[in-house]
Amino acid sequence: MDAARLVFLRDGYLNAEISEIARVAGNSAGAFYIYFENKSSILDALLDEFDLTLSKERQAENKYFQSQTLSNLRERILAIWETYKMHASAFYALAQASMVDTHFAQRERELRERAVYDIRNMIKARKRLGLCEHLNLLYTTQSLEIMLTHTLHDWLAVRRSQFQSAGEEMRAFDSMLNIFSTVLELQVHAGKRNPRKPTKKRLR
């Protein structure tokens, strides 16, 4: 599977050849078919691996969308960032496979629906605190999901050599995080929005 990750990321899913995956793995093409039926089956296995990682994270932080501090949000989105980076080859391949294969188009929709669900609950949690009242739940959720998905894909898969240092990568990450924190009004505390200044009593 490591060989498939390398080939998918280097050549793209559509151009990847089973013979090349086998060569990089140090095996014959025939050996490949002992473990996988075809190219799509190995992509499915890579996506299943991501699903397992994500499920463990969500079990550990199944209410992360209710985090009410910037540091909690940063921790969660950084976990998503690192998970995506670890599985960037699978997502790079999925983006291409979904254009020609209805099975992978469905898998992509399911992955994005999870992000939509979590972001929607983030916004709903803020609204319960009397914040983000001006936001349209549907369109704000979709906008943040699109930004998150495409930013991760573009920065970590398509232009993976963009970051020349860990510091530069974190500056890019914090720029994305700043958009989330601004939209979710994470600098505003519940019950302290537009506080009134105490008035001084006039002496008569």
C-alpha atoms as a PDB file:
ATOM      1  CA  MET A   1       0.000   0.000   0.000  1.00  0.00           C
ATOM      2  CA  ASP A   2       2.936   2.327   0.593  1.00  0.00           C
ATOM      3  CA  ALA A   3       3.925   1.843  -3.045  1.00  0.00           C
ATOM      4  CA  ALA A   4       0.402   2.739  -4.186  1.00  0.00           C
ATOM      5  CA  ARG A   5       0.505   5.913  -2.071  1.00  0.00           C
ATOM      6  CA  LEU A   6       3.746   6.974  -3.706  1.00  0.00           C
ATOM      7  CA  VAL A   7       2.581   6.222  -7.254  1.00  0.00           C
ATOM      8  CA  PHE A   8      -0.866   7.803  -6.795  1.00  0.00           C
ATOM      9  CA  LEU A   9       0.687  10.977  -5.405  1.00  0.00           C
ATOM     10  CA  ARG A  10       3.416  11.121  -8.051  1.00  0.00           C
ATOM     11  CA  ASP A  11       1.483  10.068 -11.159  1.00  0.00           C
ATOM     12  CA  GLY A  12      -2.151  10.598 -10.183  1.00  0.00           C
ATOM     13  CA  TYR A  13      -4.774   7.873  -9.978  1.00  0.00           C
ATOM     14  CA  LEU A  14      -5.773   7.932 -13.642  1.00  0.00           C
ATOM     15  CA  ASN A  15      -2.186   7.572 -14.864  1.00  0.00           C
ATOM     16  CA  ALA A  16      -1.080   5.078 -12.235  1.00  0.00           C
ATOM     17  CA  GLU A  17      -0.272   1.609 -13.573  1.00  0.00           C
ATOM     18  CA  ILE A  18      -0.498  -1.583 -11.557  1.00  0.00           C
ATOM     19  CA  SER A  19       2.839  -2.682 -13.006  1.00  0.00           C
ATOM     20  CA  GLU A  20       4.455   0.494 -11.665  1.00  0.00           C
ATOM     21  CA  ILE A  21       2.907   0.042  -8.213  1.00  0.00           C
ATOM     22  CA  ALA A  22       4.254  -3.518  -8.165  1.00  0.00           C
ATOM     23  CA  ARG A  23       7.692  -2.365  -9.336  1.00  0.00           C
ATOM     24  CA  VAL A  24       7.929   0.293  -6.622  1.00  0.00           C
ATOM     25  CA  ALA A  25       6.867  -2.344  -4.083  1.00  0.00           C
ATOM     26  CA  GLY A  26       9.614  -4.634  -5.350  1.00  0.00           C
ATOM     27  CA  ASN A  27       7.187  -7.264  -6.594  1.00  0.00           C
ATOM     28  CA  SER A  28       5.852  -8.554  -9.870  1.00  0.00           C
ATOM     29  CA  ALA A  29       2.501  -7.453 -11.255  1.00  0.00           C
ATOM     30  CA  GLY A  30       1.246 -10.964 -10.574  1.00  0.00           C
ATOM     31  CA  ALA A  31       2.027 -10.567  -6.874  1.00  0.00           C
ATOM     32  CA  PHE A  32      -0.195  -7.479  -6.785  1.00  0.00           C
ATOM     33  CA  TYR A  33      -3.265  -9.553  -7.663  1.00  0.00           C
ATOM     34  CA  ILE A  34      -2.704 -11.812  -4.671  1.00  0.00           C
ATOM     35  CA  TYR A  35      -3.775  -8.932  -2.451  1.00  0.00           C
ATOM     36  CA  PHE A  36      -5.898  -6.671  -4.664  1.00  0.00           C
ATOM     37  CA  GLU A  37      -8.357  -7.288  -7.451  1.00  0.00           C
ATOM     38  CA  ASN A  38      -7.574  -4.087  -9.378  1.00  0.00           C
ATOM     39  CA  LYS A  39      -6.453  -0.472  -9.000  1.00  0.00           C
ATOM     40  CA  SER A  40      -9.763   0.671  -7.560  1.00  0.00           C
ATOM     41  CA  SER A  41      -9.620  -1.971  -4.814  1.00  0.00           C
ATOM     42  CA  ILE A  42      -6.334  -0.602  -3.506  1.00  0.00           C
ATOM     43  CA  LEU A  43      -7.777   2.921  -3.461  1.00  0.00           C
ATOM     44  CA  ASP A  44     -10.738   1.574  -1.504  1.00  0.00           C
ATOM     45  CA  ALA A  45      -8.289   0.036   0.973  1.00  0.00           C
ATOM     46  CA  LEU A  46      -6.482   3.369   1.380  1.00  0.00           C
ATOM     47  CA  LEU A  47      -9.796   5.162   1.976  1.00  0.00           C
ATOM     48  CA  ASP A  48     -10.870   2.496   4.478  1.00  0.00           C
ATOM     49  CA  GLU A  49      -7.620   3.131   6.325  1.00  0.00           C
ATOM     50  CA  PHE A  50      -8.482   6.835   6.502  1.00  0.00           C
ATOM     51  CA  ASP A  51     -12.017   6.016   7.678  1.00  0.00           C
ATOM     52  CA  LEU A  52     -10.584   3.979  10.542  1.00  0.00           C
ATOM     53  CA  THR A  53      -8.245   6.809  11.593  1.00  0.00           C
ATOM     54  CA  LEU A  54     -11.049   9.361  11.439  1.00  0.00           C
ATOM     55  CA  SER A  55     -13.450   7.150  13.386  1.00  0.00           C
ATOM     56  CA  LYS A  56     -10.941   6.805  16.230  1.00  0.00           C
ATOM     57  CA  GLU A  57     -10.483  10.575  16.327  1.00  0.00           C
ATOM     58  CA  ARG A  58     -14.217  11.207  16.404  1.00  0.00           C
ATOM     59  CA  GLN A  59     -14.716   8.682  19.206  1.00  0.00           C
ATOM     60  CA  ALA A  60     -12.073  10.485  21.249  1.00  0.00           C
ATOM     61  CA  GLU A  61     -13.539  13.911  20.515  1.00  0.00           C
ATOM     62  CA  ASN A  62     -17.123  13.164  19.554  1.00  0.00           C
ATOM     63  CA  LYS A  63     -18.273  16.566  20.805  1.00  0.00           C
ATOM     64  CA  TYR A  64     -15.389  18.632  19.465  1.00  0.00           C
ATOM     65  CA  PHE A  65     -17.821  20.794  17.468  1.00  0.00           C
ATOM     66  CA  GLN A  66     -19.036  22.242  20.769  1.00  0.00           C
ATOM     67  CA  SER A  67     -15.582  23.572  21.654  1.00  0.00           C
ATOM     68  CA  GLN A  68     -16.001  27.165  22.659  1.00  0.00           C
ATOM     69  CA  THR A  69     -12.382  28.358  22.664  1.00  0.00           C
ATOM     70  CA  LEU A  70      -9.958  29.181  19.904  1.00  0.00           C
ATOM     71  CA  SER A  71      -7.358  26.797  21.329  1.00  0.00           C
ATOM     72  CA  ASN A  72      -9.823  23.872  21.239  1.00  0.00           C
ATOM     73  CA  LEU A  73     -10.822  24.673  17.668  1.00  0.00           C
ATOM     74  CA  ARG A  74      -7.162  24.967  16.659  1.00  0.00           C
ATOM     75  CA  GLU A  75      -6.383  21.592  18.208  1.00  0.00           C
ATOM     76  CA  ARG A  76      -9.224  19.901  16.341  1.00  0.00           C
ATOM     77  CA  ILE A  77      -8.610  21.456  12.946  1.00  0.00           C
ATOM     78  CA  LEU A  78      -4.881  20.757  13.295  1.00  0.00           C
ATOM     79  CA  ALA A  79      -5.759  17.086  13.877  1.00  0.00           C
ATOM     80  CA  ILE A  80      -7.800  17.144  10.653  1.00  0.00           C
ATOM     81  CA  TRP A  81      -4.880  18.847   8.860  1.00  0.00           C
ATOM     82  CA  GLU A  82      -2.366  16.218  10.029  1.00  0.00           C
ATOM     83  CA  THR A  83      -4.728  13.332   9.225  1.00  0.00           C
ATOM     84  CA  TYR A  84      -5.329  14.685   5.738  1.00  0.00           C
ATOM     85  CA  LYS A  85      -1.601  15.169   5.205  1.00  0.00           C
ATOM     86  CA  MET A  86      -0.977  11.574   6.258  1.00  0.00           C
ATOM     87  CA  HIS A  87      -3.571  10.347   3.741  1.00  0.00           C
ATOM     88  CA  ALA A  88      -3.039  13.002   1.047  1.00  0.00           C
ATOM     89  CA  SER A  89      -2.289  10.414  -1.633  1.00  0.00           C
ATOM     90  CA  ALA A  90      -5.661   8.731  -1.116  1.00  0.00           C
ATOM     91  CA  PHE A  91      -7.528  12.035  -1.406  1.00  0.00           C
ATOM     92  CA  TYR A  92      -5.501  13.080  -4.425  1.00  0.00           C
ATOM     93  CA  ALA A  93      -6.451   9.780  -6.073  1.00  0.00           C
ATOM     94  CA  LEU A  94     -10.079  10.051  -4.923  1.00  0.00           C
ATOM     95  CA  ALA A  95     -10.497  13.497  -6.509  1.00  0.00           C
ATOM     96  CA  GLN A  96      -9.553  12.001  -9.879  1.00  0.00           C
ATOM     97  CA  ALA A  97     -11.338   8.672  -9.477  1.00  0.00           C
ATOM     98  CA  SER A  98     -14.600  10.381  -8.492  1.00  0.00           C
ATOM     99  CA  MET A  99     -14.717  12.084 -11.902  1.00  0.00           C
ATOM    100  CA  VAL A 100     -14.898   8.778 -13.782  1.00  0.00           C
ATOM    101  CA  ASP A 101     -16.296   6.270 -11.276  1.00  0.00           C
ATOM    102  CA  THR A 102     -19.690   6.604  -9.557  1.00  0.00           C
ATOM    103  CA  HIS A 103     -18.517   4.413  -6.673  1.00  0.00           C
ATOM    104  CA  PHE A 104     -15.757   6.859  -5.781  1.00  0.00           C
ATOM    105  CA  ALA A 105     -18.031   9.832  -6.419  1.00  0.00           C
ATOM    106  CA  GLN A 106     -20.279   8.419  -3.689  1.00  0.00           C
ATOM    107  CA  ARG A 107     -17.347   7.855  -1.337  1.00  0.00           C
ATOM    108  CA  GLU A 108     -16.249  11.447  -1.825  1.00  0.00           C
ATOM    109  CA  ARG A 109     -19.784  12.700  -1.063  1.00  0.00           C
ATOM    110  CA  GLU A 110     -19.891  10.641   2.130  1.00  0.00           C
ATOM    111  CA  LEU A 111     -16.562  12.038   3.333  1.00  0.00           C
ATOM    112  CA  ARG A 112     -17.655  15.595   2.675  1.00  0.00           C
ATOM    113  CA  GLU A 113     -21.023  15.026   4.349  1.00  0.00           C
ATOM    114  CA  ARG A 114     -19.200  14.236   7.588  1.00  0.00           C
ATOM    115  CA  ALA A 115     -17.379  17.554   7.438  1.00  0.00           C
ATOM    116  CA  VAL A 116     -20.670  19.327   6.705  1.00  0.00           C
ATOM    117  CA  TYR A 117     -22.302  17.644   9.699  1.00  0.00           C
ATOM    118  CA  ASP A 118     -19.514  18.666  12.077  1.00  0.00           C
ATOM    119  CA  ILE A 119     -19.255  22.251  10.837  1.00  0.00           C
ATOM    120  CA  ARG A 120     -23.041  22.669  11.019  1.00  0.00           C
ATOM    121  CA  ASN A 121     -22.970  21.540  14.644  1.00  0.00           C
ATOM    122  CA  MET A 122     -20.131  23.959  15.385  1.00  0.00           C
ATOM    123  CA  ILE A 123     -22.274  26.848  14.152  1.00  0.00           C
ATOM    124  CA  LYS A 124     -25.397  25.603  15.944  1.00  0.00           C
ATOM    125  CA  ALA A 125     -23.432  25.392  19.203  1.00  0.00           C
ATOM    126  CA  ARG A 126     -22.333  29.011  18.789  1.00  0.00           C
ATOM    127  CA  LYS A 127     -25.876  30.125  18.019  1.00  0.00           C
ATOM    128  CA  ARG A 128     -27.081  28.520  21.255  1.00  0.00           C
ATOM    129  CA  LEU A 129     -24.712  30.870  23.046  1.00  0.00           C
ATOM    130  CA  GLY A 130     -26.290  33.855  21.343  1.00  0.00           C
ATOM    131  CA  LEU A 131     -23.416  34.252  18.869  1.00  0.00           C
ATOM    132  CA  CYS A 132     -23.275  34.022  15.074  1.00  0.00           C
ATOM    133  CA  GLU A 133     -26.912  35.122  14.954  1.00  0.00           C
ATOM    134  CA  HIS A 134     -26.461  36.758  11.556  1.00  0.00           C
ATOM    135  CA  LEU A 135     -25.135  33.585   9.900  1.00  0.00           C
ATOM    136  CA  ASN A 136     -27.239  31.526   7.519  1.00  0.00           C
ATOM    137  CA  LEU A 137     -26.704  27.995   8.822  1.00  0.00           C
ATOM    138  CA  LEU A 138     -26.932  26.200   5.463  1.00  0.00           C
ATOM    139  CA  TYR A 139     -24.790  28.487   3.328  1.00  0.00           C
ATOM    140  CA  THR A 140     -22.194  29.232   5.997  1.00  0.00           C
ATOM    141  CA  THR A 141     -21.772  25.505   6.625  1.00  0.00           C
ATOM    142  CA  GLN A 142     -21.331  24.810   2.919  1.00  0.00           C
ATOM    143  CA  SER A 143     -18.902  27.706   2.488  1.00  0.00           C
ATOM    144  CA  LEU A 144     -16.664  26.591   5.375  1.00  0.00           C
ATOM    145  CA  GLU A 145     -16.733  22.965   4.211  1.00  0.00           C
ATOM    146  CA  ILE A 146     -15.768  23.936   0.663  1.00  0.00           C
ATOM    147  CA  MET A 147     -12.963  26.135   1.948  1.00  0.00           C
ATOM    148  CA  LEU A 148     -11.639  23.437   4.268  1.00  0.00           C
ATOM    149  CA  THR A 149     -11.835  20.622   1.718  1.00  0.00           C
ATOM    150  CA  HIS A 150     -10.295  22.538  -1.158  1.00  0.00           C
ATOM    151  CA  THR A 151      -7.618  24.177   0.970  1.00  0.00           C
ATOM    152  CA  LEU A 152      -6.478  20.824   2.334  1.00  0.00           C
ATOM    153  CA  HIS A 153      -6.531  19.258  -1.118  1.00  0.00           C
ATOM    154  CA  ASP A 154      -4.701  22.106  -2.829  1.00  0.00           C
ATOM    155  CA  TRP A 155      -2.070  22.780  -0.184  1.00  0.00           C
ATOM    156  CA  LEU A 156      -1.356  19.243   1.001  1.00  0.00           C
ATOM    157  CA  ALA A 157      -1.853  17.176  -2.163  1.00  0.00           C
ATOM    158  CA  VAL A 158      -1.748  19.221  -5.355  1.00  0.00           C
ATOM    159  CA  ARG A 159       0.952  21.693  -4.251  1.00  0.00           C
ATOM    160  CA  ARG A 160       2.545  19.584  -1.556  1.00  0.00           C
ATOM    161  CA  SER A 161       6.004  21.129  -2.141  1.00  0.00           C
ATOM    162  CA  GLN A 162       4.668  24.632  -1.471  1.00  0.00           C
ATOM    163  CA  PHE A 163       5.806  24.780   2.146  1.00  0.00           C
ATOM    164  CA  GLN A 164       9.545  25.180   2.498  1.00  0.00           C
ATOM    165  CA  SER A 165       9.527  24.838   6.282  1.00  0.00           C
ATOM    166  CA  ALA A 166       7.332  23.745   9.181  1.00  0.00           C
ATOM    167  CA  GLY A 167       6.994  27.385  10.204  1.00  0.00           C
ATOM    168  CA  GLU A 168       5.681  28.356   6.783  1.00  0.00           C
ATOM    169  CA  GLU A 169       3.194  25.486   6.886  1.00  0.00           C
ATOM    170  CA  MET A 170       1.899  26.633  10.273  1.00  0.00           C
ATOM    171  CA  ARG A 171       1.525  30.196   9.037  1.00  0.00           C
ATOM    172  CA  ALA A 172      -0.664  28.888   6.231  1.00  0.00           C
ATOM    173  CA  PHE A 173      -2.633  26.757   8.682  1.00  0.00           C
ATOM    174  CA  ASP A 174      -3.186  29.694  11.038  1.00  0.00           C
ATOM    175  CA  SER A 175      -4.439  31.806   8.135  1.00  0.00           C
ATOM    176  CA  MET A 176      -7.125  29.210   7.456  1.00  0.00           C
ATOM    177  CA  LEU A 177      -7.895  28.874  11.165  1.00  0.00           C
ATOM    178  CA  ASN A 178      -8.334  32.637  11.422  1.00  0.00           C
ATOM    179  CA  ILE A 179     -11.212  32.461   8.934  1.00  0.00           C
ATOM    180  CA  PHE A 180     -12.958  29.796  11.033  1.00  0.00           C
ATOM    181  CA  SER A 181     -12.433  31.693  14.287  1.00  0.00           C
ATOM    182  CA  THR A 182     -13.699  34.950  12.778  1.00  0.00           C
ATOM    183  CA  VAL A 183     -16.831  33.360  11.333  1.00  0.00           C
ATOM    184  CA  LEU A 184     -17.555  31.489  14.572  1.00  0.00           C
ATOM    185  CA  GLU A 185     -16.918  34.608  16.679  1.00  0.00           C
ATOM    186  CA  LEU A 186     -14.536  32.742  18.937  1.00  0.00           C
ATOM    187  CA  GLN A 187     -13.125  35.963  20.302  1.00  0.00           C
ATOM    188  CA  VAL A 188     -16.558  36.866  21.676  1.00  0.00           C
ATOM    189  CA  HIS A 189     -17.694  35.325  24.954  1.00  0.00           C
ATOM    190  CA  ALA A 190     -21.267  34.293  25.523  1.00  0.00           C
ATOM    191  CA  GLY A 191     -23.232  36.798  27.521  1.00  0.00           C
ATOM    192  CA  LYS A 192     -20.628  39.504  26.909  1.00  0.00           C
ATOM    193  CA  ARG A 193     -21.611  40.615  23.461  1.00  0.00           C
ATOM    194  CA  ASN A 194     -21.919  44.393  23.151  1.00  0.00           C
ATOM    195  CA  PRO A 195     -21.557  44.932  26.897  1.00  0.00           C
ATOM    196  CA  ARG A 196     -23.012  48.127  28.268  1.00  0.00           C
ATOM    197  CA  LYS A 197     -20.719  50.520  30.027  1.00  0.00           C
ATOM    198  CA  PRO A 198     -21.766  51.265  33.611  1.00  0.00           C
ATOM    199  CA  THR A 199     -23.333  54.677  33.955  1.00  0.00           C
ATOM    200  CA  LYS A 200     -22.216  57.063  36.660  1.00  0.00           C
ATOM    201  CA  LYS A 201     -24.870  58.375  39.007  1.00  0.00           C
ATOM    202  CA  ARG A 202     -25.239  62.099  38.948  1.00  0.00           C
ATOM    203  CA  LEU A 203     -25.037  63.903  42.204  1.00  0.00           C
ATOM    204  CA  ARG A 204     -27.909  66.231  42.896  1.00  0.00           C
END
